[in-house]
C-alpha atoms as a PDB file:
ATOM      1  CA  MET A   1     -10.938   1.711  10.730  1.00  0.00           C
ATOM      2  CA  ASN A   2     -13.354   4.255   9.325  1.00  0.00           C
ATOM      3  CA  LYS A   3     -14.896   4.282   5.850  1.00  0.00           C
ATOM      4  CA  ARG A   4     -12.300   6.645   4.408  1.00  0.00           C
ATOM      5  CA  GLY A   5      -9.446   4.479   5.627  1.00  0.00           C
ATOM      6  CA  THR A   6     -11.083   1.362   4.244  1.00  0.00           C
ATOM      7  CA  GLY A   7     -11.645   3.072   0.890  1.00  0.00           C
ATOM      8  CA  ALA A   8      -8.038   4.218   0.754  1.00  0.00           C
ATOM      9  CA  VAL A   9      -6.800   0.707   1.536  1.00  0.00           C
ATOM     10  CA  PHE A  10      -8.933  -0.761  -1.250  1.00  0.00           C
ATOM     11  CA  CYS A  11      -7.562   1.833  -3.694  1.00  0.00           C
ATOM     12  CA  LEU A  12      -4.032   0.905  -2.581  1.00  0.00           C
ATOM     13  CA  ILE A  13      -4.797  -2.773  -3.118  1.00  0.00           C
ATOM     14  CA  ALA A  14      -6.078  -1.929  -6.607  1.00  0.00           C
ATOM     15  CA  ALA A  15      -2.864  -0.077  -7.451  1.00  0.00           C
ATOM     16  CA  ILE A  16      -0.704  -2.940  -6.170  1.00  0.00           C
ATOM     17  CA  LEU A  17      -2.672  -5.533  -8.143  1.00  0.00           C
ATOM     18  CA  PHE A  18      -2.544  -3.418 -11.290  1.00  0.00           C
ATOM     19  CA  ALA A  19       1.218  -2.953 -11.015  1.00  0.00           C
ATOM     20  CA  SER A  20       1.860  -6.587 -10.101  1.00  0.00           C
ATOM     21  CA  ARG A  21       0.432  -7.713 -13.452  1.00  0.00           C
ATOM     22  CA  TYR A  22       3.092  -5.762 -15.328  1.00  0.00           C
ATOM     23  CA  ILE A  23       5.848  -6.705 -12.881  1.00  0.00           C
ATOM     24  CA  THR A  24       4.920 -10.378 -13.227  1.00  0.00           C
ATOM     25  CA  ALA A  25       5.028 -10.147 -17.020  1.00  0.00           C
ATOM     26  CA  ALA A  26       8.418  -8.406 -16.856  1.00  0.00           C
ATOM     27  CA  ILE A  27       9.794 -11.096 -14.553  1.00  0.00           C
ATOM     28  CA  PHE A  28       8.413 -13.788 -16.837  1.00  0.00           C
ATOM     29  CA  MET A  29      10.094 -12.129 -19.826  1.00  0.00           C
ATOM     30  CA  SER A  30      13.394 -11.476 -18.032  1.00  0.00           C
ATOM     31  CA  GLY A  31      15.234 -14.252 -19.852  1.00  0.00           C
ATOM     32  CA  VAL A  32      14.528 -12.809 -23.294  1.00  0.00           C
ATOM     33  CA  SER A  33      17.520 -11.350 -25.124  1.00  0.00           C
ATOM     34  CA  SER A  34      15.588  -8.630 -26.985  1.00  0.00           C
ATOM     35  CA  TRP A  35      12.426  -6.764 -26.042  1.00  0.00           C
ATOM     36  CA  SER A  36       9.524  -5.619 -28.195  1.00  0.00           C
ATOM     37  CA  SER A  37       5.996  -4.455 -27.484  1.00  0.00           C
ATOM     38  CA  GLY A  38       4.564  -7.546 -29.147  1.00  0.00           C
ATOM     39  CA  LEU A  39       6.681  -9.830 -27.006  1.00  0.00           C
ATOM     40  CA  PHE A  40       5.681  -7.995 -23.842  1.00  0.00           C
ATOM     41  CA  GLY A  41       2.037  -8.205 -24.941  1.00  0.00           C
ATOM     42  CA  ALA A  42       2.466 -11.959 -25.220  1.00  0.00           C
ATOM     43  CA  GLY A  43       3.871 -11.982 -21.691  1.00  0.00           C
ATOM     44  CA  LEU A  44       0.829 -10.065 -20.475  1.00  0.00           C
ATOM     45  CA  GLN A  45      -1.448 -12.581 -22.168  1.00  0.00           C
ATOM     46  CA  TYR A  46       0.448 -15.372 -20.424  1.00  0.00           C
ATOM     47  CA  VAL A  47      -0.129 -13.695 -17.046  1.00  0.00           C
ATOM     48  CA  GLY A  48      -3.833 -13.392 -17.847  1.00  0.00           C
ATOM     49  CA  THR A  49      -6.554 -11.044 -16.709  1.00  0.00           C
ATOM     50  CA  PRO A  50      -7.425 -12.061 -13.121  1.00  0.00           C
ATOM     51  CA  LEU A  51      -5.093  -9.472 -11.607  1.00  0.00           C
ATOM     52  CA  ASN A  52      -6.606  -6.783 -13.800  1.00  0.00           C
ATOM     53  CA  THR A  53     -10.137  -7.889 -12.904  1.00  0.00           C
ATOM     54  CA  PHE A  54      -9.421  -7.946  -9.174  1.00  0.00           C
ATOM     55  CA  SER A  55      -7.766  -4.527  -9.357  1.00  0.00           C
ATOM     56  CA  ILE A  56     -10.841  -3.040 -11.052  1.00  0.00           C
ATOM     57  CA  ILE A  57     -13.126  -4.631  -8.458  1.00  0.00           C
ATOM     58  CA  SER A  58     -10.946  -3.320  -5.617  1.00  0.00           C
ATOM     59  CA  LEU A  59     -10.916   0.155  -7.144  1.00  0.00           C
ATOM     60  CA  ILE A  60     -14.703   0.210  -7.470  1.00  0.00           C
ATOM     61  CA  VAL A  61     -15.116  -0.954  -3.866  1.00  0.00           C
ATOM     62  CA  GLY A  62     -12.592   1.642  -2.674  1.00  0.00           C
ATOM     63  CA  ILE A  63     -14.272   4.484  -4.522  1.00  0.00           C
ATOM     64  CA  GLY A  64     -17.623   3.254  -3.209  1.00  0.00           C
ATOM     65  CA  TYR A  65     -16.347   3.423   0.369  1.00  0.00           C
ATOM     66  CA  LEU A  66     -14.900   6.900  -0.190  1.00  0.00           C
ATOM     67  CA  LEU A  67     -18.175   8.143  -1.651  1.00  0.00           C
ATOM     68  CA  TRP A  68     -20.123   6.543   1.169  1.00  0.00           C
ATOM     69  CA  ALA A  69     -17.924   8.326   3.712  1.00  0.00           C
ATOM     70  CA  GLU A  70     -18.382  11.687   1.970  1.00  0.00           C
ATOM     71  CA  ILE A  71     -22.160  11.264   1.687  1.00  0.00           C
ATOM     72  CA  SER A  72     -22.369  10.294   5.366  1.00  0.00           C
ATOM     73  CA  GLU A  73     -20.334  13.375   6.282  1.00  0.00           C
ATOM     74  CA  MET A  74     -22.595  15.635   4.211  1.00  0.00           C
ATOM     75  CA  LYS A  75     -25.697  14.191   5.874  1.00  0.00           C
ATOM     76  CA  LYS A  76     -24.259  14.945   9.329  1.00  0.00           C
ATOM     77  CA  LYS A  77     -23.876  18.616   8.456  1.00  0.00           C
END
């Protein structure tokens, strides 16, 4: 797999991790009879920040790989 493909995969992983935090909180809160933003915020706090942290790290790595691929391509020309 080339650098662009690796960068795209890392960006995809970041998007999946970012979305899974909210999906996990929604699943956790599925038994609640009424919804509010404060209640959903509490669900997000229960899920925690590791998914958010890993998604940011994956996004930075993915963008780094994409930039590296573009810089390498520019140097070839």
